Amino acid sequence: MLHKLVSAPINLVIKIAEKVKEEADKELYHLPTIQQKLIQLQMMFELSDIPEDAYKAKEEELLIRYEVAKRMEMEQWEQMTKKK
């Protein structure tokens, strides 16, 4: 019983941390969000709101995230089709 009292808060913290990571991954690798950010970035550049070097750096970061997100999506599809 004492073990449960001690481990319960730790388990709760672990579950919360897992949920936070899951939500952060959704935001970081959510394809529509990345696409929207790319569009916004392009508009900012065209309106001269950001310099070209900042634009290129952010675009590269977003494109890498997009590639990772697409790869993750493909892996999920492969796993789903293998289960059937």
PDB file of N, CA and C in Angstrom:
ATOM      1  N   MET A   1       0.819  -1.202   0.000  1.00  0.00           N
ATOM      2  CA  MET A   1       0.000   0.000   0.000  1.00  0.00           C
ATOM      3  C   MET A   1       0.859   1.261   0.000  1.00  0.00           C
ATOM      4  N   LEU A   2       1.893   1.248   0.825  1.00  0.00           N
ATOM      5  CA  LEU A   2       2.792   2.393   0.872  1.00  0.00           C
ATOM      6  C   LEU A   2       3.455   2.618  -0.486  1.00  0.00           C
ATOM      7  N   HIS A   3       3.755   1.517  -1.164  1.00  0.00           N
ATOM      8  CA  HIS A   3       4.353   1.602  -2.501  1.00  0.00           C
ATOM      9  C   HIS A   3       3.437   2.353  -3.462  1.00  0.00           C
ATOM     10  N   LYS A   4       2.137   2.070  -3.386  1.00  0.00           N
ATOM     11  CA  LYS A   4       1.182   2.753  -4.269  1.00  0.00           C
ATOM     12  C   LYS A   4       1.103   4.239  -3.957  1.00  0.00           C
ATOM     13  N   LEU A   5       1.173   4.597  -2.682  1.00  0.00           N
ATOM     14  CA  LEU A   5       1.122   6.008  -2.300  1.00  0.00           C
ATOM     15  C   LEU A   5       2.344   6.771  -2.802  1.00  0.00           C
ATOM     16  N   VAL A   6       3.472   6.107  -2.807  1.00  0.00           N
ATOM     17  CA  VAL A   6       4.699   6.753  -3.259  1.00  0.00           C
ATOM     18  C   VAL A   6       4.768   6.802  -4.781  1.00  0.00           C
ATOM     19  N   SER A   7       4.362   5.728  -5.434  1.00  0.00           N
ATOM     20  CA  SER A   7       4.507   5.670  -6.888  1.00  0.00           C
ATOM     21  C   SER A   7       3.390   6.400  -7.640  1.00  0.00           C
ATOM     22  N   ALA A   8       2.265   6.638  -7.011  1.00  0.00           N
ATOM     23  CA  ALA A   8       1.149   7.298  -7.687  1.00  0.00           C
ATOM     24  C   ALA A   8       1.528   8.683  -8.224  1.00  0.00           C
ATOM     25  N   PRO A   9       2.159   9.551  -7.414  1.00  0.00           N
ATOM     26  CA  PRO A   9       2.534  10.857  -7.971  1.00  0.00           C
ATOM     27  C   PRO A   9       3.548  10.743  -9.110  1.00  0.00           C
ATOM     28  N   ILE A  10       4.456   9.798  -9.016  1.00  0.00           N
ATOM     29  CA  ILE A  10       5.447   9.605 -10.073  1.00  0.00           C
ATOM     30  C   ILE A  10       4.764   9.146 -11.350  1.00  0.00           C
ATOM     31  N   ASN A  11       3.853   8.215 -11.227  1.00  0.00           N
ATOM     32  CA  ASN A  11       3.112   7.731 -12.407  1.00  0.00           C
ATOM     33  C   ASN A  11       2.297   8.854 -13.031  1.00  0.00           C
ATOM     34  N   LEU A  12       1.716   9.702 -12.191  1.00  0.00           N
ATOM     35  CA  LEU A  12       0.937  10.831 -12.701  1.00  0.00           C
ATOM     36  C   LEU A  12       1.833  11.797 -13.480  1.00  0.00           C
ATOM     37  N   VAL A  13       3.007  12.087 -12.951  1.00  0.00           N
ATOM     38  CA  VAL A  13       3.949  12.977 -13.629  1.00  0.00           C
ATOM     39  C   VAL A  13       4.372  12.367 -14.963  1.00  0.00           C
ATOM     40  N   ILE A  14       4.621  11.074 -14.979  1.00  0.00           N
ATOM     41  CA  ILE A  14       5.014  10.394 -16.215  1.00  0.00           C
ATOM     42  C   ILE A  14       3.896  10.480 -17.249  1.00  0.00           C
ATOM     43  N   LYS A  15       2.655  10.234 -16.823  1.00  0.00           N
ATOM     44  CA  LYS A  15       1.526  10.309 -17.753  1.00  0.00           C
ATOM     45  C   LYS A  15       1.347  11.731 -18.295  1.00  0.00           C
ATOM     46  N   ILE A  16       1.524  12.724 -17.438  1.00  0.00           N
ATOM     47  CA  ILE A  16       1.395  14.114 -17.875  1.00  0.00           C
ATOM     48  C   ILE A  16       2.501  14.443 -18.878  1.00  0.00           C
ATOM     49  N   ALA A  17       3.716  14.013 -18.579  1.00  0.00           N
ATOM     50  CA  ALA A  17       4.840  14.270 -19.489  1.00  0.00           C
ATOM     51  C   ALA A  17       4.611  13.599 -20.842  1.00  0.00           C
ATOM     52  N   GLU A  18       4.082  12.379 -20.839  1.00  0.00           N
ATOM     53  CA  GLU A  18       3.798  11.689 -22.098  1.00  0.00           C
ATOM     54  C   GLU A  18       2.750  12.451 -22.897  1.00  0.00           C
ATOM     55  N   LYS A  19       1.732  12.961 -22.215  1.00  0.00           N
ATOM     56  CA  LYS A  19       0.670  13.711 -22.895  1.00  0.00           C
ATOM     57  C   LYS A  19       1.216  15.019 -23.472  1.00  0.00           C
ATOM     58  N   VAL A  20       2.067  15.696 -22.712  1.00  0.00           N
ATOM     59  CA  VAL A  20       2.670  16.941 -23.194  1.00  0.00           C
ATOM     60  C   VAL A  20       3.513  16.667 -24.432  1.00  0.00           C
ATOM     61  N   LYS A  21       4.309  15.601 -24.401  1.00  0.00           N
ATOM     62  CA  LYS A  21       5.138  15.235 -25.554  1.00  0.00           C
ATOM     63  C   LYS A  21       4.260  14.916 -26.756  1.00  0.00           C
ATOM     64  N   GLU A  22       3.181  14.182 -26.519  1.00  0.00           N
ATOM     65  CA  GLU A  22       2.260  13.827 -27.609  1.00  0.00           C
ATOM     66  C   GLU A  22       1.672  15.087 -28.245  1.00  0.00           C
ATOM     67  N   GLU A  23       1.248  16.037 -27.426  1.00  0.00           N
ATOM     68  CA  GLU A  23       0.663  17.272 -27.947  1.00  0.00           C
ATOM     69  C   GLU A  23       1.721  18.125 -28.668  1.00  0.00           C
ATOM     70  N   ALA A  24       2.925  18.157 -28.128  1.00  0.00           N
ATOM     71  CA  ALA A  24       3.997  18.915 -28.776  1.00  0.00           C
ATOM     72  C   ALA A  24       4.333  18.296 -30.131  1.00  0.00           C
ATOM     73  N   ASP A  25       4.380  16.964 -30.195  1.00  0.00           N
ATOM     74  CA  ASP A  25       4.649  16.291 -31.467  1.00  0.00           C
ATOM     75  C   ASP A  25       3.545  16.570 -32.477  1.00  0.00           C
ATOM     76  N   LYS A  26       2.296  16.616 -32.005  1.00  0.00           N
ATOM     77  CA  LYS A  26       1.183  16.927 -32.910  1.00  0.00           C
ATOM     78  C   LYS A  26       1.379  18.318 -33.512  1.00  0.00           C
ATOM     79  N   GLU A  27       1.737  19.271 -32.674  1.00  0.00           N
ATOM     80  CA  GLU A  27       1.931  20.636 -33.155  1.00  0.00           C
ATOM     81  C   GLU A  27       3.156  20.726 -34.063  1.00  0.00           C
ATOM     82  N   LEU A  28       4.213  20.058 -33.673  1.00  0.00           N
ATOM     83  CA  LEU A  28       5.459  20.144 -34.416  1.00  0.00           C
ATOM     84  C   LEU A  28       5.383  19.431 -35.761  1.00  0.00           C
ATOM     85  N   TYR A  29       4.638  18.336 -35.813  1.00  0.00           N
ATOM     86  CA  TYR A  29       4.605  17.514 -37.022  1.00  0.00           C
ATOM     87  C   TYR A  29       3.201  17.386 -37.623  1.00  0.00           C
ATOM     88  N   HIS A  30       2.358  18.356 -37.387  1.00  0.00           N
ATOM     89  CA  HIS A  30       1.005  18.370 -37.943  1.00  0.00           C
ATOM     90  C   HIS A  30       1.090  19.008 -39.328  1.00  0.00           C
ATOM     91  N   LEU A  31       0.850  18.199 -40.366  1.00  0.00           N
ATOM     92  CA  LEU A  31       1.048  18.657 -41.748  1.00  0.00           C
ATOM     93  C   LEU A  31       0.299  19.944 -42.086  1.00  0.00           C
ATOM     94  N   PRO A  32      -0.994  20.058 -41.785  1.00  0.00           N
ATOM     95  CA  PRO A  32      -1.688  21.316 -42.122  1.00  0.00           C
ATOM     96  C   PRO A  32      -1.092  22.533 -41.410  1.00  0.00           C
ATOM     97  N   THR A  33      -0.619  22.351 -40.183  1.00  0.00           N
ATOM     98  CA  THR A  33       0.005  23.464 -39.463  1.00  0.00           C
ATOM     99  C   THR A  33       1.299  23.882 -40.144  1.00  0.00           C
ATOM    100  N   ILE A  34       2.099  22.905 -40.535  1.00  0.00           N
ATOM    101  CA  ILE A  34       3.359  23.213 -41.221  1.00  0.00           C
ATOM    102  C   ILE A  34       3.077  23.912 -42.543  1.00  0.00           C
ATOM    103  N   GLN A  35       2.094  23.418 -43.285  1.00  0.00           N
ATOM    104  CA  GLN A  35       1.746  24.040 -44.564  1.00  0.00           C
ATOM    105  C   GLN A  35       1.301  25.489 -44.358  1.00  0.00           C
ATOM    106  N   GLN A  36       0.501  25.714 -43.327  1.00  0.00           N
ATOM    107  CA  GLN A  36       0.024  27.068 -43.032  1.00  0.00           C
ATOM    108  C   GLN A  36       1.195  27.982 -42.675  1.00  0.00           C
ATOM    109  N   LYS A  37       2.133  27.470 -41.902  1.00  0.00           N
ATOM    110  CA  LYS A  37       3.298  28.274 -41.529  1.00  0.00           C
ATOM    111  C   LYS A  37       4.165  28.589 -42.746  1.00  0.00           C
ATOM    112  N   LEU A  38       4.272  27.653 -43.676  1.00  0.00           N
ATOM    113  CA  LEU A  38       5.019  27.915 -44.903  1.00  0.00           C
ATOM    114  C   LEU A  38       4.357  29.019 -45.724  1.00  0.00           C
ATOM    115  N   ILE A  39       3.042  28.985 -45.795  1.00  0.00           N
ATOM    116  CA  ILE A  39       2.297  30.021 -46.533  1.00  0.00           C
ATOM    117  C   ILE A  39       2.490  31.381 -45.866  1.00  0.00           C
ATOM    118  N   GLN A  40       2.361  31.411 -44.541  1.00  0.00           N
ATOM    119  CA  GLN A  40       2.549  32.667 -43.815  1.00  0.00           C
ATOM    120  C   GLN A  40       3.963  33.210 -43.999  1.00  0.00           C
ATOM    121  N   LEU A  41       4.931  32.320 -43.956  1.00  0.00           N
ATOM    122  CA  LEU A  41       6.324  32.718 -44.136  1.00  0.00           C
ATOM    123  C   LEU A  41       6.528  33.319 -45.531  1.00  0.00           C
ATOM    124  N   GLN A  42       5.968  32.671 -46.540  1.00  0.00           N
ATOM    125  CA  GLN A  42       6.079  33.170 -47.914  1.00  0.00           C
ATOM    126  C   GLN A  42       5.456  34.561 -48.029  1.00  0.00           C
ATOM    127  N   MET A  43       4.298  34.742 -47.426  1.00  0.00           N
ATOM    128  CA  MET A  43       3.630  36.047 -47.471  1.00  0.00           C
ATOM    129  C   MET A  43       4.472  37.116 -46.778  1.00  0.00           C
ATOM    130  N   MET A  44       5.044  36.763 -45.625  1.00  0.00           N
ATOM    131  CA  MET A  44       5.888  37.725 -44.903  1.00  0.00           C
ATOM    132  C   MET A  44       7.091  38.130 -45.747  1.00  0.00           C
ATOM    133  N   PHE A  45       7.668  37.159 -46.435  1.00  0.00           N
ATOM    134  CA  PHE A  45       8.821  37.458 -47.290  1.00  0.00           C
ATOM    135  C   PHE A  45       8.424  38.349 -48.461  1.00  0.00           C
ATOM    136  N   GLU A  46       7.321  38.015 -49.102  1.00  0.00           N
ATOM    137  CA  GLU A  46       6.864  38.807 -50.251  1.00  0.00           C
ATOM    138  C   GLU A  46       6.500  40.237 -49.864  1.00  0.00           C
ATOM    139  N   LEU A  47       6.044  40.404 -48.623  1.00  0.00           N
ATOM    140  CA  LEU A  47       5.703  41.746 -48.139  1.00  0.00           C
ATOM    141  C   LEU A  47       6.910  42.453 -47.519  1.00  0.00           C
ATOM    142  N   SER A  48       8.076  41.830 -47.625  1.00  0.00           N
ATOM    143  CA  SER A  48       9.327  42.371 -47.074  1.00  0.00           C
ATOM    144  C   SER A  48       9.280  42.554 -45.561  1.00  0.00           C
ATOM    145  N   ASP A  49       8.516  41.704 -44.893  1.00  0.00           N
ATOM    146  CA  ASP A  49       8.453  41.754 -43.427  1.00  0.00           C
ATOM    147  C   ASP A  49       9.663  41.071 -42.786  1.00  0.00           C
ATOM    148  N   ILE A  50      10.306  40.155 -43.524  1.00  0.00           N
ATOM    149  CA  ILE A  50      11.493  39.472 -43.012  1.00  0.00           C
ATOM    150  C   ILE A  50      12.572  39.469 -44.093  1.00  0.00           C
ATOM    151  N   PRO A  51      13.820  39.488 -43.675  1.00  0.00           N
ATOM    152  CA  PRO A  51      14.902  39.448 -44.671  1.00  0.00           C
ATOM    153  C   PRO A  51      15.031  38.066 -45.290  1.00  0.00           C
ATOM    154  N   GLU A  52      15.698  38.020 -46.431  1.00  0.00           N
ATOM    155  CA  GLU A  52      15.810  36.769 -47.182  1.00  0.00           C
ATOM    156  C   GLU A  52      16.526  35.673 -46.394  1.00  0.00           C
ATOM    157  N   ASP A  53      17.581  36.029 -45.670  1.00  0.00           N
ATOM    158  CA  ASP A  53      18.309  35.004 -44.918  1.00  0.00           C
ATOM    159  C   ASP A  53      17.449  34.381 -43.821  1.00  0.00           C
ATOM    160  N   ALA A  54      16.647  35.192 -43.147  1.00  0.00           N
ATOM    161  CA  ALA A  54      15.745  34.667 -42.118  1.00  0.00           C
ATOM    162  C   ALA A  54      14.665  33.802 -42.760  1.00  0.00           C
ATOM    163  N   TYR A  55      14.185  34.245 -43.910  1.00  0.00           N
ATOM    164  CA  TYR A  55      13.178  33.476 -44.648  1.00  0.00           C
ATOM    165  C   TYR A  55      13.714  32.102 -45.028  1.00  0.00           C
ATOM    166  N   LYS A  56      14.916  32.073 -45.599  1.00  0.00           N
ATOM    167  CA  LYS A  56      15.492  30.805 -46.044  1.00  0.00           C
ATOM    168  C   LYS A  56      15.748  29.863 -44.884  1.00  0.00           C
ATOM    169  N   ALA A  57      16.216  30.400 -43.765  1.00  0.00           N
ATOM    170  CA  ALA A  57      16.489  29.560 -42.594  1.00  0.00           C
ATOM    171  C   ALA A  57      15.196  28.954 -42.052  1.00  0.00           C
ATOM    172  N   LYS A  58      14.161  29.768 -41.922  1.00  0.00           N
ATOM    173  CA  LYS A  58      12.883  29.275 -41.400  1.00  0.00           C
ATOM    174  C   LYS A  58      12.232  28.319 -42.388  1.00  0.00           C
ATOM    175  N   GLU A  59      12.338  28.623 -43.672  1.00  0.00           N
ATOM    176  CA  GLU A  59      11.768  27.737 -44.684  1.00  0.00           C
ATOM    177  C   GLU A  59      12.434  26.359 -44.630  1.00  0.00           C
ATOM    178  N   GLU A  60      13.742  26.354 -44.494  1.00  0.00           N
ATOM    179  CA  GLU A  60      14.461  25.077 -44.414  1.00  0.00           C
ATOM    180  C   GLU A  60      14.011  24.273 -43.195  1.00  0.00           C
ATOM    181  N   GLU A  61      13.871  24.944 -42.063  1.00  0.00           N
ATOM    182  CA  GLU A  61      13.400  24.274 -40.846  1.00  0.00           C
ATOM    183  C   GLU A  61      12.008  23.669 -41.050  1.00  0.00           C
ATOM    184  N   LEU A  62      11.112  24.450 -41.642  1.00  0.00           N
ATOM    185  CA  LEU A  62       9.744  23.976 -41.868  1.00  0.00           C
ATOM    186  C   LEU A  62       9.706  22.824 -42.869  1.00  0.00           C
ATOM    187  N   LEU A  63      10.536  22.897 -43.895  1.00  0.00           N
ATOM    188  CA  LEU A  63      10.560  21.823 -44.895  1.00  0.00           C
ATOM    189  C   LEU A  63      11.106  20.518 -44.299  1.00  0.00           C
ATOM    190  N   ILE A  64      12.068  20.625 -43.413  1.00  0.00           N
ATOM    191  CA  ILE A  64      12.575  19.424 -42.733  1.00  0.00           C
ATOM    192  C   ILE A  64      11.484  18.829 -41.864  1.00  0.00           C
ATOM    193  N   ARG A  65      10.781  19.679 -41.116  1.00  0.00           N
ATOM    194  CA  ARG A  65       9.659  19.178 -40.295  1.00  0.00           C
ATOM    195  C   ARG A  65       8.584  18.538 -41.167  1.00  0.00           C
ATOM    196  N   TYR A  66       8.338  19.143 -42.334  1.00  0.00           N
ATOM    197  CA  TYR A  66       7.332  18.592 -43.256  1.00  0.00           C
ATOM    198  C   TYR A  66       7.747  17.202 -43.731  1.00  0.00           C
ATOM    199  N   GLU A  67       9.013  17.056 -44.096  1.00  0.00           N
ATOM    200  CA  GLU A  67       9.508  15.748 -44.548  1.00  0.00           C
ATOM    201  C   GLU A  67       9.387  14.699 -43.448  1.00  0.00           C
ATOM    202  N   VAL A  68       9.744  15.074 -42.232  1.00  0.00           N
ATOM    203  CA  VAL A  68       9.636  14.139 -41.104  1.00  0.00           C
ATOM    204  C   VAL A  68       8.173  13.767 -40.875  1.00  0.00           C
ATOM    205  N   ALA A  69       7.296  14.758 -40.925  1.00  0.00           N
ATOM    206  CA  ALA A  69       5.869  14.504 -40.716  1.00  0.00           C
ATOM    207  C   ALA A  69       5.307  13.576 -41.792  1.00  0.00           C
ATOM    208  N   LYS A  70       5.725  13.787 -43.034  1.00  0.00           N
ATOM    209  CA  LYS A  70       5.262  12.922 -44.133  1.00  0.00           C
ATOM    210  C   LYS A  70       5.765  11.497 -43.936  1.00  0.00           C
ATOM    211  N   ARG A  71       7.032  11.373 -43.520  1.00  0.00           N
ATOM    212  CA  ARG A  71       7.594  10.050 -43.261  1.00  0.00           C
ATOM    213  C   ARG A  71       6.817   9.350 -42.137  1.00  0.00           C
ATOM    214  N   MET A  72       6.512  10.102 -41.084  1.00  0.00           N
ATOM    215  CA  MET A  72       5.747   9.532 -39.970  1.00  0.00           C
ATOM    216  C   MET A  72       4.359   9.093 -40.443  1.00  0.00           C
ATOM    217  N   GLU A  73       3.743   9.915 -41.284  1.00  0.00           N
ATOM    218  CA  GLU A  73       2.422   9.585 -41.813  1.00  0.00           C
ATOM    219  C   GLU A  73       2.479   8.303 -42.647  1.00  0.00           C
ATOM    220  N   MET A  74       3.499   8.175 -43.472  1.00  0.00           N
ATOM    221  CA  MET A  74       3.651   6.976 -44.299  1.00  0.00           C
ATOM    222  C   MET A  74       3.868   5.729 -43.434  1.00  0.00           C
ATOM    223  N   GLU A  75       4.651   5.871 -42.380  1.00  0.00           N
ATOM    224  CA  GLU A  75       4.884   4.745 -41.468  1.00  0.00           C
ATOM    225  C   GLU A  75       3.590   4.323 -40.789  1.00  0.00           C
ATOM    226  N   GLN A  76       2.784   5.291 -40.405  1.00  0.00           N
ATOM    227  CA  GLN A  76       1.491   4.978 -39.784  1.00  0.00           C
ATOM    228  C   GLN A  76       0.599   4.224 -40.762  1.00  0.00           C
ATOM    229  N   TRP A  77       0.575   4.673 -42.020  1.00  0.00           N
ATOM    230  CA  TRP A  77      -0.238   3.994 -43.040  1.00  0.00           C
ATOM    231  C   TRP A  77       0.251   2.562 -43.253  1.00  0.00           C
ATOM    232  N   GLU A  78       1.562   2.399 -43.282  1.00  0.00           N
ATOM    233  CA  GLU A  78       2.120   1.059 -43.470  1.00  0.00           C
ATOM    234  C   GLU A  78       1.744   0.155 -42.312  1.00  0.00           C
ATOM    235  N   GLN A  79       1.814   0.677 -41.095  1.00  0.00           N
ATOM    236  CA  GLN A  79       1.439  -0.120 -39.929  1.00  0.00           C
ATOM    237  C   GLN A  79      -0.042  -0.482 -39.964  1.00  0.00           C
ATOM    238  N   MET A  80      -0.880   0.457 -40.387  1.00  0.00           N
ATOM    239  CA  MET A  80      -2.320   0.196 -40.449  1.00  0.00           C
ATOM    240  C   MET A  80      -2.635  -0.857 -41.499  1.00  0.00           C
ATOM    241  N   THR A  81      -1.956  -0.803 -42.627  1.00  0.00           N
ATOM    242  CA  THR A  81      -2.243  -1.784 -43.694  1.00  0.00           C
ATOM    243  C   THR A  81      -1.703  -3.161 -43.347  1.00  0.00           C
ATOM    244  N   LYS A  82      -0.651  -3.227 -42.569  1.00  0.00           N
ATOM    245  CA  LYS A  82      -0.112  -4.526 -42.163  1.00  0.00           C
ATOM    246  C   LYS A  82      -1.008  -5.207 -41.143  1.00  0.00           C
ATOM    247  N   LYS A  83      -1.727  -4.444 -40.341  1.00  0.00           N
ATOM    248  CA  LYS A  83      -2.620  -5.002 -39.324  1.00  0.00           C
ATOM    249  C   LYS A  83      -3.824  -5.704 -39.953  1.00  0.00           C
ATOM    250  N   LYS A  84      -4.218  -5.263 -41.129  1.00  0.00           N
ATOM    251  CA  LYS A  84      -5.420  -5.814 -41.770  1.00  0.00           C
ATOM    252  C   LYS A  84      -5.105  -7.078 -42.443  1.00  0.00           C
TER     253      LYS A  84
END
